[in-house]
């Protein structure tokens, strides 16, 4: 997945902001063409838009890397990639053991 310059998308009656591009190859005939699935996601990974694109000709001939494919998809959708998507890692909070309440037996 890639971060993109945020774009506004109408979703179920409200404007939502897509800031993540997900894409992968769904078919490649290993000769002349490939098909890609893409989705545009919010920062909470809610899918806001999706579709398929077909690559062929000189574009297919030049395809050697995943970054090339992402750049191609972004160009077809008029998007600007701003970097690799890095998921947020939430560190667990350490469990705190409370001190025992003082009792008459342990007071000095």
N, C-alpha and C. Protein backbone atom coordinates (compact mmCIF):
# COMPACT_ATOMS: atom_id res chain seq x y z
N UNK A 1 0.85 -1.17 0.00
CA UNK A 1 0.00 0.00 0.00
C UNK A 1 0.90 1.24 0.00
N UNK A 2 0.33 2.32 -0.49
CA UNK A 2 1.05 3.59 -0.58
C UNK A 2 0.21 4.71 0.01
N UNK A 3 0.87 5.67 0.65
CA UNK A 3 0.20 6.89 1.05
C UNK A 3 0.06 7.77 -0.18
N UNK A 4 -1.05 8.47 -0.26
CA UNK A 4 -1.29 9.38 -1.37
C UNK A 4 -1.65 10.75 -0.83
N UNK A 5 -1.50 11.77 -1.68
CA UNK A 5 -2.00 13.09 -1.33
C UNK A 5 -3.50 12.94 -1.15
N UNK A 6 -4.04 13.34 -0.01
CA UNK A 6 -5.47 13.11 0.27
C UNK A 6 -6.38 13.69 -0.81
N UNK A 7 -7.43 12.93 -1.10
CA UNK A 7 -8.46 13.38 -2.03
C UNK A 7 -9.82 13.17 -1.38
N UNK A 8 -10.76 14.01 -1.75
CA UNK A 8 -12.12 13.93 -1.21
C UNK A 8 -12.94 13.00 -2.08
N UNK A 9 -13.68 12.09 -1.42
CA UNK A 9 -14.54 11.13 -2.12
C UNK A 9 -15.91 11.16 -1.47
N UNK A 10 -16.95 11.25 -2.31
CA UNK A 10 -18.33 11.20 -1.84
C UNK A 10 -18.65 9.76 -1.48
N UNK A 11 -19.01 9.50 -0.22
CA UNK A 11 -19.28 8.14 0.24
C UNK A 11 -20.52 8.14 1.12
N UNK A 12 -21.59 7.52 0.62
CA UNK A 12 -22.84 7.39 1.39
C UNK A 12 -23.32 8.72 1.96
N UNK A 13 -23.33 9.75 1.13
CA UNK A 13 -23.89 11.02 1.53
C UNK A 13 -22.95 11.97 2.24
N UNK A 14 -21.70 11.60 2.42
CA UNK A 14 -20.74 12.50 3.07
C UNK A 14 -19.43 12.50 2.30
N UNK A 15 -18.68 13.58 2.44
CA UNK A 15 -17.34 13.63 1.86
C UNK A 15 -16.37 12.95 2.80
N UNK A 16 -15.63 12.00 2.29
CA UNK A 16 -14.60 11.29 3.05
C UNK A 16 -13.24 11.58 2.41
N UNK A 17 -12.18 11.41 3.17
CA UNK A 17 -10.85 11.67 2.66
C UNK A 17 -10.10 10.36 2.46
N UNK A 18 -9.71 10.08 1.21
CA UNK A 18 -8.89 8.91 0.91
C UNK A 18 -7.43 9.34 0.96
N UNK A 19 -6.61 8.57 1.67
CA UNK A 19 -5.20 8.92 1.78
C UNK A 19 -4.29 7.71 1.59
N UNK A 20 -4.88 6.55 1.24
CA UNK A 20 -4.11 5.33 1.04
C UNK A 20 -4.56 4.66 -0.26
N UNK A 21 -3.59 4.24 -1.05
CA UNK A 21 -3.84 3.48 -2.28
C UNK A 21 -3.40 2.05 -2.05
N UNK A 22 -4.30 1.11 -2.29
CA UNK A 22 -3.96 -0.31 -2.27
C UNK A 22 -4.13 -0.83 -3.70
N UNK A 23 -3.22 -1.65 -4.16
CA UNK A 23 -3.33 -2.20 -5.51
C UNK A 23 -2.60 -3.53 -5.58
N UNK A 24 -3.12 -4.42 -6.43
CA UNK A 24 -2.42 -5.67 -6.70
C UNK A 24 -2.87 -6.22 -8.03
N UNK A 25 -2.00 -7.04 -8.60
CA UNK A 25 -2.27 -7.64 -9.90
C UNK A 25 -3.25 -8.80 -9.72
N UNK A 26 -4.33 -8.79 -10.49
CA UNK A 26 -5.32 -9.87 -10.40
C UNK A 26 -5.22 -10.83 -11.58
N UNK A 27 -4.52 -10.39 -12.66
CA UNK A 27 -4.34 -11.27 -13.82
C UNK A 27 -3.17 -10.75 -14.65
N UNK A 28 -2.32 -11.65 -15.08
CA UNK A 28 -1.19 -11.29 -15.93
C UNK A 28 -1.03 -12.43 -16.94
N UNK A 29 -1.17 -12.12 -18.23
CA UNK A 29 -1.05 -13.18 -19.23
C UNK A 29 0.41 -13.49 -19.56
N UNK A 30 1.35 -12.82 -18.87
CA UNK A 30 2.79 -13.04 -18.99
C UNK A 30 3.32 -12.76 -20.40
N UNK A 31 2.54 -11.98 -21.14
CA UNK A 31 2.95 -11.70 -22.51
C UNK A 31 2.65 -10.27 -22.94
N UNK A 32 1.38 -9.85 -22.80
CA UNK A 32 1.00 -8.55 -23.36
C UNK A 32 0.16 -7.67 -22.45
N UNK A 33 -0.41 -8.22 -21.37
CA UNK A 33 -1.29 -7.39 -20.55
C UNK A 33 -1.43 -7.93 -19.13
N UNK A 34 -1.82 -7.03 -18.25
CA UNK A 34 -2.09 -7.38 -16.85
C UNK A 34 -3.26 -6.54 -16.37
N UNK A 35 -4.01 -7.08 -15.43
CA UNK A 35 -5.12 -6.36 -14.82
C UNK A 35 -4.81 -6.15 -13.34
N UNK A 36 -5.16 -4.97 -12.86
CA UNK A 36 -4.91 -4.61 -11.47
C UNK A 36 -6.21 -4.23 -10.79
N UNK A 37 -6.34 -4.65 -9.54
CA UNK A 37 -7.42 -4.20 -8.66
C UNK A 37 -6.84 -3.07 -7.82
N UNK A 38 -7.60 -2.00 -7.61
CA UNK A 38 -7.16 -0.94 -6.71
C UNK A 38 -8.29 -0.58 -5.77
N UNK A 39 -7.91 -0.04 -4.63
CA UNK A 39 -8.89 0.54 -3.70
C UNK A 39 -8.27 1.77 -3.07
N UNK A 40 -9.12 2.74 -2.80
CA UNK A 40 -8.73 3.97 -2.11
C UNK A 40 -9.32 3.90 -0.71
N UNK A 41 -8.47 4.11 0.28
CA UNK A 41 -8.85 3.89 1.67
C UNK A 41 -8.67 5.15 2.50
N UNK A 42 -9.47 5.25 3.57
CA UNK A 42 -9.30 6.32 4.54
C UNK A 42 -8.14 5.94 5.48
N UNK A 43 -7.78 6.86 6.38
CA UNK A 43 -6.70 6.55 7.31
C UNK A 43 -7.08 5.44 8.29
N UNK A 44 -8.38 5.16 8.42
CA UNK A 44 -8.83 4.04 9.27
C UNK A 44 -9.02 2.76 8.44
N UNK A 45 -8.54 2.78 7.20
CA UNK A 45 -8.59 1.66 6.25
C UNK A 45 -10.00 1.33 5.76
N UNK A 46 -10.92 2.30 5.86
CA UNK A 46 -12.26 2.14 5.29
C UNK A 46 -12.15 2.30 3.78
N UNK A 47 -12.69 1.33 3.04
CA UNK A 47 -12.67 1.42 1.57
C UNK A 47 -13.66 2.46 1.10
N UNK A 48 -13.18 3.43 0.32
CA UNK A 48 -14.02 4.51 -0.18
C UNK A 48 -14.28 4.40 -1.67
N UNK A 49 -13.39 3.75 -2.40
CA UNK A 49 -13.56 3.56 -3.85
C UNK A 49 -12.71 2.36 -4.25
N UNK A 50 -13.11 1.72 -5.37
CA UNK A 50 -12.36 0.57 -5.86
C UNK A 50 -12.66 0.37 -7.33
N UNK A 51 -11.81 -0.41 -7.98
CA UNK A 51 -12.03 -0.70 -9.39
C UNK A 51 -10.89 -1.53 -9.97
N UNK A 52 -10.92 -1.70 -11.28
CA UNK A 52 -9.91 -2.47 -12.00
C UNK A 52 -9.33 -1.63 -13.13
N UNK A 53 -8.06 -1.86 -13.42
CA UNK A 53 -7.37 -1.19 -14.52
C UNK A 53 -6.61 -2.24 -15.32
N UNK A 54 -6.52 -2.04 -16.64
CA UNK A 54 -5.78 -2.96 -17.52
C UNK A 54 -4.55 -2.25 -18.07
N UNK A 55 -3.42 -2.90 -17.93
CA UNK A 55 -2.15 -2.39 -18.44
C UNK A 55 -1.75 -3.20 -19.66
N UNK A 56 -1.31 -2.51 -20.73
CA UNK A 56 -0.85 -3.21 -21.94
C UNK A 56 0.13 -2.33 -22.69
N UNK A 57 0.61 -2.81 -23.83
CA UNK A 57 1.50 -2.04 -24.69
C UNK A 57 2.82 -1.69 -24.02
N UNK A 58 3.28 -0.46 -24.27
CA UNK A 58 4.56 -0.02 -23.73
C UNK A 58 4.58 -0.02 -22.21
N UNK A 59 3.44 0.30 -21.59
CA UNK A 59 3.37 0.28 -20.13
C UNK A 59 3.64 -1.13 -19.61
N UNK A 60 3.03 -2.13 -20.22
CA UNK A 60 3.24 -3.52 -19.79
C UNK A 60 4.69 -3.93 -20.04
N UNK A 61 5.24 -3.56 -21.18
CA UNK A 61 6.62 -3.92 -21.52
C UNK A 61 7.61 -3.32 -20.52
N UNK A 62 7.31 -2.14 -19.98
CA UNK A 62 8.21 -1.46 -19.05
C UNK A 62 8.05 -1.92 -17.61
N UNK A 63 6.99 -2.67 -17.32
CA UNK A 63 6.70 -3.08 -15.94
C UNK A 63 7.73 -4.11 -15.47
N UNK A 64 8.52 -3.71 -14.48
CA UNK A 64 9.52 -4.60 -13.90
C UNK A 64 9.42 -4.69 -12.37
N UNK A 65 8.84 -3.67 -11.74
CA UNK A 65 8.82 -3.61 -10.28
C UNK A 65 7.43 -3.27 -9.76
N UNK A 66 7.23 -3.53 -8.49
CA UNK A 66 5.97 -3.15 -7.85
C UNK A 66 5.80 -1.63 -7.82
N UNK A 67 6.90 -0.91 -7.57
CA UNK A 67 6.79 0.55 -7.55
C UNK A 67 6.34 1.09 -8.90
N UNK A 68 6.83 0.50 -9.99
CA UNK A 68 6.38 0.92 -11.33
C UNK A 68 4.87 0.71 -11.45
N UNK A 69 4.37 -0.44 -10.99
CA UNK A 69 2.93 -0.73 -11.08
C UNK A 69 2.14 0.27 -10.23
N UNK A 70 2.60 0.56 -9.01
CA UNK A 70 1.90 1.55 -8.18
C UNK A 70 1.90 2.92 -8.85
N UNK A 71 3.05 3.32 -9.41
CA UNK A 71 3.12 4.61 -10.10
C UNK A 71 2.17 4.64 -11.29
N UNK A 72 2.09 3.54 -12.02
CA UNK A 72 1.20 3.46 -13.18
C UNK A 72 -0.26 3.60 -12.75
N UNK A 73 -0.64 2.85 -11.70
CA UNK A 73 -2.02 2.93 -11.19
C UNK A 73 -2.32 4.36 -10.74
N UNK A 74 -1.40 4.97 -9.99
CA UNK A 74 -1.61 6.33 -9.51
C UNK A 74 -1.77 7.30 -10.68
N UNK A 75 -0.99 7.14 -11.72
CA UNK A 75 -1.10 8.01 -12.89
C UNK A 75 -2.46 7.84 -13.55
N UNK A 76 -2.93 6.60 -13.69
CA UNK A 76 -4.24 6.36 -14.31
C UNK A 76 -5.36 7.01 -13.52
N UNK A 77 -5.20 7.09 -12.20
CA UNK A 77 -6.25 7.63 -11.32
C UNK A 77 -6.00 9.10 -10.97
N UNK A 78 -4.96 9.69 -11.53
CA UNK A 78 -4.60 11.08 -11.26
C UNK A 78 -4.34 11.30 -9.77
N UNK A 79 -3.58 10.38 -9.15
CA UNK A 79 -3.22 10.46 -7.74
C UNK A 79 -1.73 10.76 -7.61
N UNK A 80 -1.35 11.31 -6.47
CA UNK A 80 0.06 11.56 -6.18
C UNK A 80 0.47 10.71 -5.00
N UNK A 81 1.42 9.80 -5.22
CA UNK A 81 1.95 8.96 -4.14
C UNK A 81 2.92 9.80 -3.32
N UNK A 82 2.77 9.76 -1.99
CA UNK A 82 3.65 10.52 -1.11
C UNK A 82 4.61 9.64 -0.32
N UNK A 83 4.46 8.32 -0.40
CA UNK A 83 5.38 7.43 0.31
C UNK A 83 4.75 6.08 0.56
N UNK A 84 5.54 5.20 1.16
CA UNK A 84 5.05 3.88 1.52
C UNK A 84 4.11 3.99 2.71
N UNK A 85 3.07 3.16 2.71
CA UNK A 85 2.16 3.09 3.85
C UNK A 85 2.84 2.31 4.96
N UNK A 86 2.85 2.87 6.15
CA UNK A 86 3.40 2.19 7.32
C UNK A 86 2.28 2.13 8.34
N UNK A 87 1.82 0.91 8.66
CA UNK A 87 0.70 0.81 9.61
C UNK A 87 1.11 1.31 11.00
N UNK A 88 0.17 1.91 11.67
CA UNK A 88 0.38 2.39 13.03
C UNK A 88 0.47 1.19 13.96
N UNK A 89 1.53 1.14 14.75
CA UNK A 89 1.70 0.06 15.72
C UNK A 89 1.41 0.64 17.10
N UNK A 90 0.42 0.09 17.75
CA UNK A 90 0.05 0.55 19.08
C UNK A 90 0.70 -0.38 20.09
N UNK A 91 1.54 0.21 20.93
CA UNK A 91 2.21 -0.57 21.97
C UNK A 91 1.22 -0.84 23.10
N UNK A 92 1.21 -2.08 23.61
CA UNK A 92 0.31 -2.36 24.73
C UNK A 92 0.75 -1.59 25.98
N UNK A 93 -0.20 -1.21 26.78
CA UNK A 93 0.09 -0.51 28.03
C UNK A 93 0.43 -1.55 29.08
N UNK A 94 1.53 -1.33 29.79
CA UNK A 94 1.95 -2.27 30.82
C UNK A 94 0.91 -2.33 31.93
N UNK A 95 0.67 -3.53 32.41
CA UNK A 95 -0.30 -3.70 33.50
C UNK A 95 0.34 -3.22 34.79
N UNK A 96 -0.38 -2.42 35.52
CA UNK A 96 0.12 -1.88 36.79
C UNK A 96 -0.58 -2.62 37.92
N UNK A 97 0.25 -3.15 38.84
CA UNK A 97 -0.30 -3.85 40.00
C UNK A 97 -0.39 -2.85 41.14
N UNK A 98 -1.59 -2.60 41.64
CA UNK A 98 -1.73 -1.60 42.71
C UNK A 98 -1.09 -2.08 44.02
N UNK A 99 -0.62 -1.12 44.79
CA UNK A 99 -0.07 -1.43 46.12
C UNK A 99 -1.22 -1.89 47.01
N UNK A 100 -0.96 -2.83 47.90
CA UNK A 100 -2.03 -3.27 48.80
C UNK A 100 -2.45 -2.12 49.74
N UNK A 101 -3.71 -2.09 50.02
CA UNK A 101 -4.24 -1.07 50.95
C UNK A 101 -3.73 -1.38 52.37
N UNK A 102 -3.35 -0.34 53.07
CA UNK A 102 -2.88 -0.60 54.45
C UNK A 102 -4.04 -1.09 55.33
N UNK A 103 -3.72 -1.98 56.18
CA UNK A 103 -4.69 -2.49 57.15
C UNK A 103 -4.12 -2.27 58.56
N UNK A 104 -4.93 -2.49 59.56
CA UNK A 104 -4.44 -2.33 60.94
C UNK A 104 -3.30 -3.29 61.20
N UNK A 105 -3.25 -4.45 60.52
CA UNK A 105 -2.24 -5.47 60.77
C UNK A 105 -0.86 -5.04 60.24
N UNK A 106 -0.81 -4.25 59.19
CA UNK A 106 0.51 -3.90 58.64
C UNK A 106 0.86 -2.43 58.85
N UNK A 107 0.20 -1.73 59.77
CA UNK A 107 0.56 -0.37 60.14
C UNK A 107 1.55 -0.41 61.27
N UNK A 108 2.50 0.48 61.29
CA UNK A 108 3.47 0.51 62.39
C UNK A 108 3.33 1.77 63.16
